C-alpha atoms as a PDB file:
ATOM      1  CA  MET A   1    -144.390  16.641 165.298  1.00  0.00           C
ATOM      2  CA  PHE A   2    -143.278  13.045 164.891  1.00  0.00           C
ATOM      3  CA  LEU A   3    -139.603  14.069 164.704  1.00  0.00           C
ATOM      4  CA  LYS A   4    -139.903  16.083 167.920  1.00  0.00           C
ATOM      5  CA  VAL A   5    -141.249  13.031 169.755  1.00  0.00           C
ATOM      6  CA  VAL A   6    -138.557  10.768 168.279  1.00  0.00           C
ATOM      7  CA  ASN A   7    -135.828  13.292 169.149  1.00  0.00           C
ATOM      8  CA  THR A   8    -137.170  13.688 172.683  1.00  0.00           C
ATOM      9  CA  VAL A   9    -137.262   9.898 173.185  1.00  0.00           C
ATOM     10  CA  LEU A  10    -133.730   9.510 171.786  1.00  0.00           C
ATOM     11  CA  VAL A  11    -132.327  12.327 173.940  1.00  0.00           C
ATOM     12  CA  THR A  12    -134.025  10.855 177.015  1.00  0.00           C
ATOM     13  CA  ALA A  13    -132.676   7.385 176.184  1.00  0.00           C
ATOM     14  CA  THR A  14    -129.193   8.839 175.661  1.00  0.00           C
ATOM     15  CA  LEU A  15    -129.303  10.601 179.023  1.00  0.00           C
ATOM     16  CA  ALA A  16    -130.595   7.460 180.759  1.00  0.00           C
ATOM     17  CA  GLY A  17    -127.812   5.435 179.133  1.00  0.00           C
ATOM     18  CA  ALA A  18    -125.212   7.988 180.233  1.00  0.00           C
ATOM     19  CA  VAL A  19    -126.485   7.891 183.817  1.00  0.00           C
ATOM     20  CA  TYR A  20    -126.491   4.082 183.727  1.00  0.00           C
ATOM     21  CA  LEU A  21    -122.926   3.938 182.361  1.00  0.00           C
ATOM     22  CA  TYR A  22    -121.777   6.452 184.981  1.00  0.00           C
ATOM     23  CA  ASN A  23    -123.290   4.265 187.709  1.00  0.00           C
ATOM     24  CA  VAL A  24    -121.762   1.079 186.282  1.00  0.00           C
ATOM     25  CA  LYS A  25    -118.350   2.756 185.999  1.00  0.00           C
ATOM     26  CA  TYR A  26    -118.270   3.601 189.693  1.00  0.00           C
ATOM     27  CA  GLU A  27    -119.629   0.205 190.714  1.00  0.00           C
ATOM     28  CA  VAL A  28    -116.816  -1.446 188.764  1.00  0.00           C
ATOM     29  CA  ALA A  29    -114.299   0.864 190.433  1.00  0.00           C
ATOM     30  CA  ALA A  30    -115.674  -0.137 193.852  1.00  0.00           C
ATOM     31  CA  TYR A  31    -115.474  -3.829 192.929  1.00  0.00           C
ATOM     32  CA  ARG A  32    -111.890  -3.402 191.736  1.00  0.00           C
ATOM     33  CA  THR A  33    -110.965  -1.744 195.034  1.00  0.00           C
ATOM     34  CA  HIS A  34    -112.607  -4.575 196.955  1.00  0.00           C
ATOM     35  CA  LEU A  35    -110.873  -7.158 194.751  1.00  0.00           C
ATOM     36  CA  LYS A  36    -107.502  -5.518 195.355  1.00  0.00           C
ATOM     37  CA  THR A  37    -108.156  -5.613 199.111  1.00  0.00           C
ATOM     38  CA  LEU A  38    -108.999  -9.330 198.924  1.00  0.00           C
ATOM     39  CA  GLU A  39    -105.909 -10.032 196.825  1.00  0.00           C
ATOM     40  CA  ASN A  40    -103.761  -8.254 199.412  1.00  0.00           C
ATOM     41  CA  GLN A  41    -105.360 -10.343 202.171  1.00  0.00           C
ATOM     42  CA  VAL A  42    -104.670 -13.542 200.226  1.00  0.00           C
ATOM     43  CA  VAL A  43    -101.019 -12.562 199.791  1.00  0.00           C
ATOM     44  CA  ALA A  44    -100.735 -11.695 203.500  1.00  0.00           C
ATOM     45  CA  GLU A  45    -102.294 -15.040 204.497  1.00  0.00           C
ATOM     46  CA  GLY A  46     -99.927 -16.879 202.159  1.00  0.00           C
ATOM     47  CA  GLU A  47     -96.957 -15.130 203.752  1.00  0.00           C
ATOM     48  CA  ALA A  48     -98.286 -15.982 207.215  1.00  0.00           C
ATOM     49  CA  ILE A  49     -98.632 -19.631 206.189  1.00  0.00           C
ATOM     50  CA  ASN A  50     -95.056 -19.637 204.869  1.00  0.00           C
ATOM     51  CA  ASP A  51     -93.837 -18.115 208.142  1.00  0.00           C
ATOM     52  CA  LEU A  52     -95.710 -20.734 210.170  1.00  0.00           C
ATOM     53  CA  ASN A  53     -94.342 -23.559 208.011  1.00  0.00           C
ATOM     54  CA  ALA A  54     -90.811 -22.239 208.530  1.00  0.00           C
ATOM     55  CA  GLU A  55     -91.378 -21.991 212.283  1.00  0.00           C
ATOM     56  CA  TRP A  56     -92.838 -25.514 212.356  1.00  0.00           C
ATOM     57  CA  SER A  57     -89.784 -26.855 210.520  1.00  0.00           C
ATOM     58  CA  TYR A  58     -87.505 -25.024 212.936  1.00  0.00           C
ATOM     59  CA  LEU A  59     -89.311 -26.365 216.010  1.00  0.00           C
ATOM     60  CA  ASN A  60     -89.361 -29.946 214.692  1.00  0.00           C
ATOM     61  CA  ARG A  61     -85.628 -30.282 214.167  1.00  0.00           C
ATOM     62  CA  PRO A  62     -84.582 -33.771 215.367  1.00  0.00           C
ATOM     63  CA  GLU A  63     -81.681 -32.483 217.466  1.00  0.00           C
ATOM     64  CA  ARG A  64     -83.989 -30.025 219.275  1.00  0.00           C
ATOM     65  CA  LEU A  65     -86.630 -32.696 219.869  1.00  0.00           C
ATOM     66  CA  LYS A  66     -83.959 -35.066 221.194  1.00  0.00           C
ATOM     67  CA  VAL A  67     -82.881 -32.468 223.767  1.00  0.00           C
ATOM     68  CA  LEU A  68     -86.487 -31.756 224.792  1.00  0.00           C
ATOM     69  CA  ALA A  69     -87.324 -35.457 225.039  1.00  0.00           C
ATOM     70  CA  GLY A  70     -84.291 -35.983 227.251  1.00  0.00           C
ATOM     71  CA  ARG A  71     -85.274 -33.061 229.447  1.00  0.00           C
ATOM     72  CA  TYR A  72     -89.028 -33.667 229.850  1.00  0.00           C
ATOM     73  CA  LEU A  73     -89.612 -37.370 229.140  1.00  0.00           C
ATOM     74  CA  ALA A  74     -88.224 -40.216 231.177  1.00  0.00           C
ATOM     75  CA  LEU A  75     -87.535 -42.420 228.178  1.00  0.00           C
ATOM     76  CA  GLU A  76     -85.103 -45.299 228.258  1.00  0.00           C
ATOM     77  CA  PRO A  77     -83.765 -47.438 225.428  1.00  0.00           C
ATOM     78  CA  VAL A  78     -85.804 -50.506 224.541  1.00  0.00           C
ATOM     79  CA  HIS A  79     -84.298 -53.759 225.755  1.00  0.00           C
ATOM     80  CA  ALA A  80     -84.512 -56.956 223.719  1.00  0.00           C
ATOM     81  CA  GLU A  81     -86.624 -58.730 226.343  1.00  0.00           C
ATOM     82  CA  GLN A  82     -89.329 -56.060 226.003  1.00  0.00           C
ATOM     83  CA  ILE A  83     -90.059 -57.077 222.415  1.00  0.00           C
ATOM     84  CA  VAL A  84     -92.583 -59.911 222.172  1.00  0.00           C
ATOM     85  CA  THR A  85     -94.611 -61.574 219.453  1.00  0.00           C
ATOM     86  CA  MET A  86     -98.375 -62.043 219.360  1.00  0.00           C
ATOM     87  CA  GLU A  87     -98.026 -65.657 220.461  1.00  0.00           C
ATOM     88  CA  ASN A  88     -96.305 -64.586 223.696  1.00  0.00           C
ATOM     89  CA  LEU A  89     -99.107 -62.208 224.730  1.00  0.00           C
ATOM     90  CA  PRO A  90    -101.702 -63.515 227.193  1.00  0.00           C
ATOM     91  CA  GLY A  91    -105.061 -64.220 225.600  1.00  0.00           C
ATOM     92  CA  ARG A  92    -108.434 -62.836 226.598  1.00  0.00           C
ATOM     93  CA  THR A  93    -110.860 -64.857 228.621  1.00  0.00           C
ATOM     94  CA  ARG A  94    -113.642 -66.194 226.483  1.00  0.00           C
ATOM     95  CA  ASP A  95    -116.217 -66.745 229.215  1.00  0.00           C
ATOM     96  CA  PHE A  96    -117.309 -63.097 229.346  1.00  0.00           C
ATOM     97  CA  SER A  97    -121.076 -62.723 229.740  1.00  0.00           C
ATOM     98  CA  PRO A  98    -122.707 -59.365 230.412  1.00  0.00           C
ATOM     99  CA  ASP A  99    -124.942 -58.851 233.439  1.00  0.00           C
ATOM    100  CA  LEU A 100    -128.427 -58.476 231.944  1.00  0.00           C
ATOM    101  CA  SER A 101    -130.238 -58.372 235.292  1.00  0.00           C
ATOM    102  CA  ALA A 102    -129.128 -54.773 236.052  1.00  0.00           C
ATOM    103  CA  PRO A 103    -131.862 -52.160 235.460  1.00  0.00           C
ATOM    104  CA  LEU A 104    -131.375 -49.869 232.508  1.00  0.00           C
ATOM    105  CA  GLY A 105    -131.175 -46.161 233.199  1.00  0.00           C
ATOM    106  CA  GLY A 106    -132.952 -43.292 231.471  1.00  0.00           C
ATOM    107  CA  TYR A 107    -135.462 -44.071 228.747  1.00  0.00           C
ATOM    108  CA  ALA A 108    -133.816 -47.404 227.928  1.00  0.00           C
ATOM    109  CA  GLY A 109    -135.702 -49.249 230.673  1.00  0.00           C
ATOM    110  CA  ILE A 110    -139.087 -47.629 230.076  1.00  0.00           C
ATOM    111  CA  GLY A 111    -141.671 -49.621 228.214  1.00  0.00           C
ATOM    112  CA  SER A 112    -139.813 -52.904 227.952  1.00  0.00           C
ATOM    113  CA  ALA A 113    -142.583 -54.883 229.652  1.00  0.00           C
ATOM    114  CA  THR A 114    -145.467 -52.536 228.934  1.00  0.00           C
ATOM    115  CA  SER A 115    -144.633 -51.589 225.373  1.00  0.00           C
ATOM    116  CA  ARG A 116    -147.578 -51.218 223.028  1.00  0.00           C
ATOM    117  CA  ILE A 117    -145.368 -51.470 219.952  1.00  0.00           C
ATOM    118  CA  GLN A 118    -145.677 -54.918 218.426  1.00  0.00           C
END
Protein backbone atom coordinates (compact mmCIF):
# COMPACT_ATOMS: atom_id res chain seq x y z
CA MET A 1 0.00 0.00 0.00
CA PHE A 2 2.74 2.43 0.97
CA LEU A 3 4.68 1.71 -2.24
CA LYS A 4 1.60 2.38 -4.37
CA VAL A 5 1.18 5.81 -2.76
CA VAL A 6 4.89 6.61 -3.13
CA ASN A 7 4.87 5.46 -6.77
CA THR A 8 1.74 7.49 -7.50
CA VAL A 9 3.27 10.61 -5.93
CA LEU A 10 6.54 10.12 -7.84
CA VAL A 11 4.77 9.56 -11.17
CA THR A 12 2.61 12.64 -10.56
CA ALA A 13 5.68 14.70 -9.64
CA THR A 14 7.49 13.44 -12.75
CA LEU A 15 4.57 14.40 -14.98
CA ALA A 16 4.29 17.82 -13.32
CA GLY A 17 8.03 18.35 -13.81
CA ALA A 18 7.77 17.33 -17.47
CA VAL A 19 4.90 19.76 -18.05
CA TYR A 20 6.84 22.50 -16.26
CA LEU A 21 9.99 21.85 -18.33
CA TYR A 22 7.93 21.82 -21.53
CA ASN A 23 6.45 25.20 -20.59
CA VAL A 24 9.85 26.66 -19.67
CA LYS A 25 11.36 25.39 -22.93
CA TYR A 26 8.82 27.26 -25.03
CA GLU A 27 9.05 30.39 -22.89
CA VAL A 28 12.81 30.42 -23.43
CA ALA A 29 12.28 29.96 -27.16
CA ALA A 30 9.89 32.94 -27.18
CA TYR A 31 12.40 35.04 -25.23
CA ARG A 32 15.18 34.09 -27.65
CA THR A 33 13.00 35.13 -30.59
CA HIS A 34 12.24 38.44 -28.90
CA LEU A 35 15.92 38.94 -28.06
CA LYS A 36 16.90 38.29 -31.67
CA THR A 37 14.33 40.86 -32.81
CA LEU A 38 15.75 43.44 -30.38
CA GLU A 39 19.30 42.68 -31.49
CA ASN A 40 18.27 43.21 -35.11
CA GLN A 41 16.67 46.54 -34.16
CA VAL A 42 19.84 47.62 -32.36
CA VAL A 43 21.94 46.77 -35.42
CA ALA A 44 19.51 48.65 -37.70
CA GLU A 45 19.59 51.71 -35.41
CA GLY A 46 23.39 51.60 -35.35
CA GLU A 47 23.48 51.52 -39.14
CA ALA A 48 21.02 54.42 -39.28
CA ILE A 49 23.22 56.41 -36.89
CA ASN A 50 26.28 55.68 -39.04
CA ASP A 51 24.38 56.83 -42.14
CA LEU A 52 23.30 60.04 -40.41
CA ASN A 53 26.84 60.73 -39.20
CA ALA A 54 28.13 60.27 -42.75
CA GLU A 55 25.44 62.59 -44.11
CA TRP A 56 26.22 65.17 -41.41
CA SER A 57 29.92 65.06 -42.32
CA TYR A 58 29.04 65.44 -45.99
CA LEU A 59 26.75 68.42 -45.37
CA ASN A 60 29.27 70.17 -43.10
CA ARG A 61 32.13 70.23 -45.58
CA PRO A 62 33.83 73.66 -45.33
CA GLU A 63 33.81 74.26 -49.09
CA ARG A 64 30.05 73.56 -49.25
CA LEU A 65 29.34 75.81 -46.26
CA LYS A 66 31.45 78.57 -47.82
CA VAL A 67 29.33 78.44 -50.99
CA LEU A 68 26.08 78.44 -49.00
CA ALA A 69 27.24 81.30 -46.78
CA GLY A 70 28.14 83.32 -49.86
CA ARG A 71 24.76 82.60 -51.42
CA TYR A 72 22.43 83.15 -48.44
CA LEU A 73 24.32 85.37 -45.98
CA ALA A 74 25.43 88.90 -46.66
CA LEU A 75 28.73 88.54 -44.84
CA GLU A 76 31.66 90.83 -45.43
CA PRO A 77 35.24 90.56 -44.21
CA VAL A 78 35.99 92.13 -40.84
CA HIS A 79 37.86 95.41 -41.06
CA ALA A 80 40.51 96.38 -38.52
CA GLU A 81 38.50 99.36 -37.26
CA GLN A 82 35.65 97.04 -36.25
CA ILE A 83 37.80 95.34 -33.62
CA VAL A 84 37.74 97.15 -30.27
CA THR A 85 38.87 96.45 -26.74
CA MET A 86 36.76 96.56 -23.59
CA GLU A 87 38.13 99.98 -22.70
CA ASN A 88 36.80 101.45 -25.96
CA LEU A 89 33.22 100.27 -25.35
CA PRO A 90 30.76 102.77 -23.86
CA GLY A 91 29.91 102.06 -20.25
CA ARG A 92 26.48 101.56 -18.73
CA THR A 93 24.75 104.30 -16.85
CA ARG A 94 24.90 103.72 -13.14
CA ASP A 95 21.92 105.85 -12.13
CA PHE A 96 19.33 103.20 -13.02
CA SER A 97 16.51 103.02 -10.47
CA PRO A 98 13.41 100.92 -11.06
CA ASP A 99 9.95 102.48 -10.93
CA LEU A 100 8.41 101.03 -7.75
CA SER A 101 5.24 103.13 -7.90
CA ALA A 102 3.71 101.04 -10.74
CA PRO A 103 1.01 98.59 -9.57
CA LEU A 104 1.92 94.94 -9.67
CA GLY A 105 -0.21 92.68 -11.83
CA GLY A 106 -1.75 89.32 -11.00
CA TYR A 107 -1.37 87.94 -7.50
CA ALA A 108 1.82 89.92 -6.87
CA GLY A 109 -0.07 93.04 -5.81
CA ILE A 110 -2.69 91.29 -3.68
CA GLY A 111 -2.25 91.39 0.05
CA SER A 112 0.72 93.71 0.24
CA ALA A 113 -1.06 96.19 2.51
CA THR A 114 -3.65 93.84 3.98
CA SER A 115 -1.49 90.79 4.50
CA ARG A 116 -2.18 88.80 7.64
CA ILE A 117 1.16 87.01 7.43
CA GLN A 118 3.58 88.51 9.93
